[in-house]
Amino acid sequence: GHGTPADIMEHLAGPLPLITICEVLEIPEADHAQLRAHARTMMDVGVANRDAAVRAKAELRAYFATLTAQRRKNPGDDLISVLATARDGDEILNDEELAVMAMVLLITGQDTTTYEIGNLTYLLLTRPDLLTTVRERPELLPGAINELLRFIPFRKGVGIPRVAMEDVSMSGVTIKAGDIVHVSYLTANRDARKFDRPDEVDLERSGPPHMTFGWGAHHCLGAPLAAAEIEIALGTLLERFPRLALAKPAEELQWNATSIWRYPLALPVTW
């Protein structure tokens, strides 16, 4: 509808995950744009943005405190209502836990998928060999996306800090109880002890699972939804636009440099 060239980030990668998670949480459409703006401001880690990030976080928490209180009183079929009424024996999420959980679901349920749709589309459009393979063999797409997620996680730094509960030795280094540990998903996904040819993309790789969605108790509960959105987005792009290509040289694209996420600020394409 927009015509060529069009920006993948503006017209697909941005709206699709936001609409999807807001439908899951049943957030009114009129609030979508403002909530996304708050989420992006909160994730900007630049020093100059600190005060704005603090305000954005406070406004998000206030919004979800009000929304979750309403769902607690009048639950519906949405995920927030499910969380508000869920019980483990006599235990339920308290008001603060529920509000924070809803806020986290909104942020992680749309930002990360938005950025990864952009990242993986860029990768395919700059690697003709990979693009040809998934076009000619669409049955490879689910596994190919898993490999691409390993190759390019959406983070560009370390993950959420962990605190060691006891002394532990790893690779000859002692981590003491109480030490704060930052885990690098990027390094883990390129570990030659786990992956054969870790710096190559193998669309038929069947090795161990990657760390892009975390692991164990910290594995992202939204991973299946994110993978489904990415598969549908990329699969539809490849099917609907057989001549899809970047509208400008790859080296001219600008990338986010102010937050913990990795993604192109714009991804203009032609078809």
Protein backbone atom coordinates (compact mmCIF):
# COMPACT_ATOMS: atom_id res chain seq x y z
CA GLY A 1 0.00 0.00 0.00
CA HIS A 2 2.87 2.39 0.75
CA GLY A 3 4.71 1.63 -2.46
CA THR A 4 8.39 1.01 -3.09
CA PRO A 5 10.73 1.66 -1.37
CA ALA A 6 9.23 0.89 2.02
CA ASP A 7 10.78 0.49 5.45
CA ILE A 8 10.53 -3.03 6.91
CA MET A 9 11.05 -1.65 10.44
CA GLU A 10 8.21 0.87 10.12
CA HIS A 11 5.67 -1.21 8.23
CA LEU A 12 6.25 -4.77 9.49
CA ALA A 13 8.83 -5.31 12.23
CA GLY A 14 7.44 -2.54 14.42
CA PRO A 15 3.67 -3.02 14.17
CA LEU A 16 3.36 -6.84 14.04
CA PRO A 17 4.83 -7.78 17.47
CA LEU A 18 3.24 -4.76 19.16
CA ILE A 19 -0.23 -5.60 17.83
CA THR A 20 0.22 -9.26 18.73
CA ILE A 21 1.31 -8.80 22.36
CA CYS A 22 -1.30 -6.07 22.91
CA GLU A 23 -3.99 -8.46 21.69
CA VAL A 24 -2.69 -11.16 24.05
CA LEU A 25 -2.75 -8.68 26.96
CA GLU A 26 -5.93 -6.97 25.66
CA ILE A 27 -4.47 -3.49 25.77
CA PRO A 28 -6.65 -0.83 24.09
CA GLU A 29 -5.44 0.15 20.63
CA ALA A 30 -5.43 3.82 21.56
CA ASP A 31 -2.65 3.12 24.10
CA HIS A 32 -0.32 1.15 21.80
CA ALA A 33 1.81 3.99 20.43
CA GLN A 34 2.39 5.67 23.79
CA LEU A 35 3.33 2.40 25.50
CA ARG A 36 5.82 1.56 22.75
CA ALA A 37 7.34 5.03 23.04
CA HIS A 38 7.75 4.58 26.82
CA ALA A 39 9.32 1.14 26.31
CA ARG A 40 11.86 2.46 23.78
CA THR A 41 12.73 5.42 26.01
CA MET A 42 13.19 3.15 29.01
CA MET A 43 15.62 0.92 27.10
CA ASP A 44 17.80 3.82 25.90
CA VAL A 45 20.86 3.53 28.16
CA GLY A 46 22.54 6.75 27.06
CA VAL A 47 23.61 9.03 29.90
CA ALA A 48 21.70 11.98 28.44
CA ASN A 49 18.51 9.92 28.44
CA ARG A 50 18.68 8.81 32.08
CA ASP A 51 15.99 11.13 33.47
CA ALA A 52 13.65 10.42 30.55
CA ALA A 53 14.17 6.66 31.04
CA VAL A 54 13.29 6.93 34.72
CA ARG A 55 10.12 8.86 33.90
CA ALA A 56 9.13 6.40 31.17
CA LYS A 57 9.57 3.45 33.53
CA ALA A 58 7.48 5.17 36.21
CA GLU A 59 4.70 5.95 33.73
CA LEU A 60 4.69 2.36 32.45
CA ARG A 61 4.45 0.99 35.99
CA ALA A 62 1.63 3.39 36.85
CA TYR A 63 -0.25 2.42 33.67
CA PHE A 64 0.02 -1.29 34.40
CA ALA A 65 -0.77 -0.84 38.10
CA THR A 66 -4.11 0.67 37.07
CA LEU A 67 -4.76 -1.84 34.29
CA THR A 68 -3.95 -4.91 36.39
CA ALA A 69 -6.12 -3.65 39.26
CA GLN A 70 -9.03 -3.40 36.82
CA ARG A 71 -8.39 -6.92 35.51
CA ARG A 72 -8.18 -8.25 39.07
CA LYS A 73 -11.68 -6.88 39.74
CA ASN A 74 -13.16 -7.74 36.34
CA PRO A 75 -11.12 -10.53 34.73
CA GLY A 76 -11.55 -11.43 31.08
CA ASP A 77 -9.92 -13.92 28.71
CA ASP A 78 -6.61 -12.06 28.29
CA LEU A 79 -3.23 -13.09 29.71
CA ILE A 80 -3.21 -10.38 32.40
CA SER A 81 -6.53 -11.69 33.71
CA VAL A 82 -5.15 -15.23 33.70
CA LEU A 83 -2.15 -14.09 35.77
CA ALA A 84 -4.36 -12.02 38.08
CA THR A 85 -6.54 -14.99 38.94
CA ALA A 86 -3.89 -17.75 38.88
CA ARG A 87 -3.34 -19.57 42.16
CA ASP A 88 -0.75 -21.95 43.52
CA GLY A 89 -2.57 -23.26 46.56
CA ASP A 90 -3.33 -20.12 48.55
CA GLU A 91 -0.67 -18.05 46.77
CA ILE A 92 -1.43 -15.43 44.13
CA LEU A 93 0.70 -12.69 42.56
CA ASN A 94 0.49 -9.57 44.69
CA ASP A 95 -0.47 -6.26 43.07
CA GLU A 96 3.12 -5.11 42.48
CA GLU A 97 4.22 -8.48 41.07
CA LEU A 98 1.26 -8.55 38.71
CA ALA A 99 1.85 -5.01 37.44
CA VAL A 100 5.57 -5.60 36.88
CA MET A 101 4.90 -8.92 35.15
CA ALA A 102 2.42 -7.29 32.77
CA MET A 103 4.89 -4.49 32.01
CA VAL A 104 7.70 -6.95 31.32
CA LEU A 105 5.45 -9.00 29.05
CA LEU A 106 4.65 -5.92 26.99
CA ILE A 107 8.29 -4.85 26.64
CA THR A 108 9.85 -8.25 25.98
CA GLY A 109 6.87 -9.39 23.94
CA GLN A 110 7.31 -6.75 21.28
CA ASP A 111 10.73 -5.07 21.35
CA THR A 112 12.84 -8.20 20.99
CA THR A 113 10.72 -9.67 18.19
CA THR A 114 10.66 -6.33 16.37
CA TYR A 115 14.44 -6.13 16.40
CA GLU A 116 14.94 -9.73 15.38
CA ILE A 117 12.60 -9.45 12.39
CA GLY A 118 14.78 -6.54 11.27
CA ASN A 119 18.05 -8.32 12.01
CA LEU A 120 17.14 -11.55 10.25
CA THR A 121 15.60 -9.83 7.23
CA TYR A 122 18.81 -7.82 6.89
CA LEU A 123 20.91 -10.97 7.16
CA LEU A 124 18.96 -12.78 4.44
CA LEU A 125 19.00 -9.76 2.11
CA THR A 126 22.78 -9.41 2.46
CA ARG A 127 23.50 -13.14 2.09
CA PRO A 128 22.24 -14.27 -1.36
CA ASP A 129 23.28 -17.86 -0.64
CA LEU A 130 21.04 -18.07 2.42
CA LEU A 131 18.18 -16.22 0.73
CA THR A 132 18.27 -18.58 -2.26
CA THR A 133 18.27 -21.63 0.01
CA VAL A 134 15.20 -20.63 2.02
CA ARG A 135 13.36 -19.52 -1.14
CA GLU A 136 14.02 -22.83 -2.89
CA ARG A 137 13.45 -24.96 0.20
CA PRO A 138 10.76 -23.24 2.31
CA GLU A 139 10.42 -26.37 4.47
CA LEU A 140 13.78 -25.41 6.01
CA LEU A 141 12.45 -22.09 7.32
CA PRO A 142 11.62 -23.10 10.95
CA GLY A 143 15.05 -24.66 11.47
CA ALA A 144 16.73 -21.88 9.53
CA ILE A 145 15.20 -19.26 11.81
CA ASN A 146 16.48 -21.17 14.83
CA GLU A 147 19.99 -21.07 13.35
CA LEU A 148 19.70 -17.39 12.48
CA LEU A 149 18.59 -16.65 16.06
CA ARG A 150 21.73 -18.40 17.26
CA PHE A 151 23.90 -16.49 14.82
CA ILE A 152 22.46 -13.03 15.61
CA PRO A 153 20.77 -12.63 19.01
CA PHE A 154 18.84 -9.41 19.50
CA ARG A 155 21.12 -8.30 22.34
CA LYS A 156 24.45 -6.68 21.56
CA GLY A 157 25.88 -6.96 25.06
CA VAL A 158 25.38 -9.00 28.19
CA GLY A 159 22.13 -10.17 29.69
CA ILE A 160 20.36 -9.72 33.00
CA PRO A 161 22.80 -9.88 35.95
CA ARG A 162 22.76 -13.01 38.11
CA VAL A 163 23.98 -13.39 41.69
CA ALA A 164 25.98 -16.48 42.62
CA MET A 165 24.30 -18.31 45.51
CA GLU A 166 27.40 -20.37 46.32
CA ASP A 167 31.06 -20.61 45.35
CA VAL A 168 31.51 -22.21 41.95
CA SER A 169 34.49 -22.82 39.70
CA MET A 170 34.15 -22.30 35.95
CA SER A 171 37.02 -22.64 33.45
CA GLY A 172 39.55 -22.24 36.24
CA VAL A 173 37.94 -19.09 37.65
CA THR A 174 36.30 -19.06 41.07
CA ILE A 175 33.01 -17.19 41.30
CA LYS A 176 32.28 -16.50 44.95
CA ALA A 177 28.88 -16.51 46.60
CA GLY A 178 27.38 -13.04 46.28
CA ASP A 179 29.35 -12.15 43.14
CA ILE A 180 27.36 -10.56 40.33
CA VAL A 181 27.69 -12.37 37.02
CA HIS A 182 26.76 -11.07 33.59
CA VAL A 183 26.10 -13.77 30.98
CA SER A 184 26.98 -13.12 27.34
CA TYR A 185 24.46 -14.80 25.06
CA LEU A 186 26.59 -13.81 22.08
CA THR A 187 29.66 -15.64 23.37
CA ALA A 188 27.65 -18.70 24.38
CA ASN A 189 26.09 -18.95 20.92
CA ARG A 190 29.55 -18.93 19.30
CA ASP A 191 31.16 -21.41 21.71
CA ALA A 192 33.31 -23.76 19.61
CA ARG A 193 33.08 -26.38 22.35
CA LYS A 194 29.33 -26.61 21.73
CA PHE A 195 28.88 -25.71 18.07
CA ASP A 196 30.70 -27.00 15.03
CA ARG A 197 31.87 -24.06 12.89
CA PRO A 198 30.18 -21.58 15.27
CA ASP A 199 30.89 -18.51 13.12
CA GLU A 200 29.18 -19.98 10.07
CA VAL A 201 25.45 -20.09 9.30
CA ASP A 202 24.32 -23.67 8.68
CA LEU A 203 20.61 -23.67 7.87
CA GLU A 204 20.44 -27.42 8.47
CA ARG A 205 22.30 -27.37 11.79
CA SER A 206 20.97 -29.87 14.31
CA GLY A 207 23.35 -29.22 17.18
CA PRO A 208 22.64 -28.16 20.76
CA PRO A 209 20.07 -25.43 21.50
CA HIS A 210 21.22 -21.82 21.52
CA MET A 211 21.06 -19.28 24.34
CA THR A 212 19.21 -16.45 22.60
CA PHE A 213 16.08 -17.12 24.65
CA GLY A 214 17.99 -17.91 27.84
CA TRP A 215 18.12 -21.29 29.54
CA GLY A 216 16.49 -23.35 32.27
CA ALA A 217 14.45 -21.39 34.78
CA HIS A 218 15.43 -18.21 32.91
CA HIS A 219 14.26 -19.41 29.49
CA CYS A 220 11.96 -16.83 27.87
CA LEU A 221 8.35 -17.97 28.28
CA GLY A 222 7.44 -16.01 25.15
CA ALA A 223 9.94 -17.86 22.93
CA PRO A 224 7.32 -19.92 21.02
CA LEU A 225 5.29 -16.77 20.27
CA ALA A 226 8.38 -14.87 19.10
CA ALA A 227 9.53 -17.75 16.89
CA ALA A 228 6.04 -18.05 15.36
CA GLU A 229 5.89 -14.31 14.61
CA ILE A 230 9.35 -14.34 13.01
CA GLU A 231 8.53 -17.41 10.92
CA ILE A 232 5.26 -15.91 9.69
CA ALA A 233 6.85 -12.52 8.96
CA LEU A 234 9.86 -13.86 7.05
CA GLY A 235 7.93 -16.64 5.33
CA THR A 236 5.28 -14.20 4.10
CA LEU A 237 7.88 -11.69 2.92
CA LEU A 238 9.71 -14.32 0.89
CA GLU A 239 6.51 -15.69 -0.62
CA ARG A 240 4.79 -12.40 -1.37
CA PHE A 241 7.84 -10.49 -2.62
CA PRO A 242 10.05 -12.81 -4.72
CA ARG A 243 12.30 -9.90 -5.77
CA LEU A 244 12.66 -8.35 -2.31
CA ALA A 245 15.97 -6.47 -2.00
CA LEU A 246 17.58 -3.68 0.00
CA ALA A 247 16.80 -0.24 -1.39
CA LYS A 248 20.23 1.12 -0.48
CA PRO A 249 23.73 -0.33 0.03
CA ALA A 250 24.05 -2.26 3.29
CA GLU A 251 26.94 -0.05 4.44
CA GLU A 252 24.65 3.00 4.35
CA LEU A 253 22.16 1.59 6.86
CA GLN A 254 22.18 3.06 10.37
CA TRP A 255 22.10 0.85 13.45
CA ASN A 256 20.87 1.45 16.97
CA ALA A 257 23.71 2.61 19.20
CA THR A 258 21.92 3.80 22.34
CA SER A 259 20.32 0.73 23.91
CA ILE A 260 21.12 -2.88 24.75
CA TRP A 261 19.34 -4.07 21.59
CA ARG A 262 20.89 -4.64 18.17
CA TYR A 263 18.80 -3.64 15.15
CA PRO A 264 18.76 -1.43 12.03
CA LEU A 265 17.01 1.88 12.63
CA ALA A 266 15.47 1.59 9.18
CA LEU A 267 15.49 -1.20 6.59
CA PRO A 268 14.27 0.21 3.25
CA VAL A 269 13.44 -2.40 0.64
CA THR A 270 12.23 -2.65 -2.94
CA TRP A 271 10.42 -5.47 -4.71
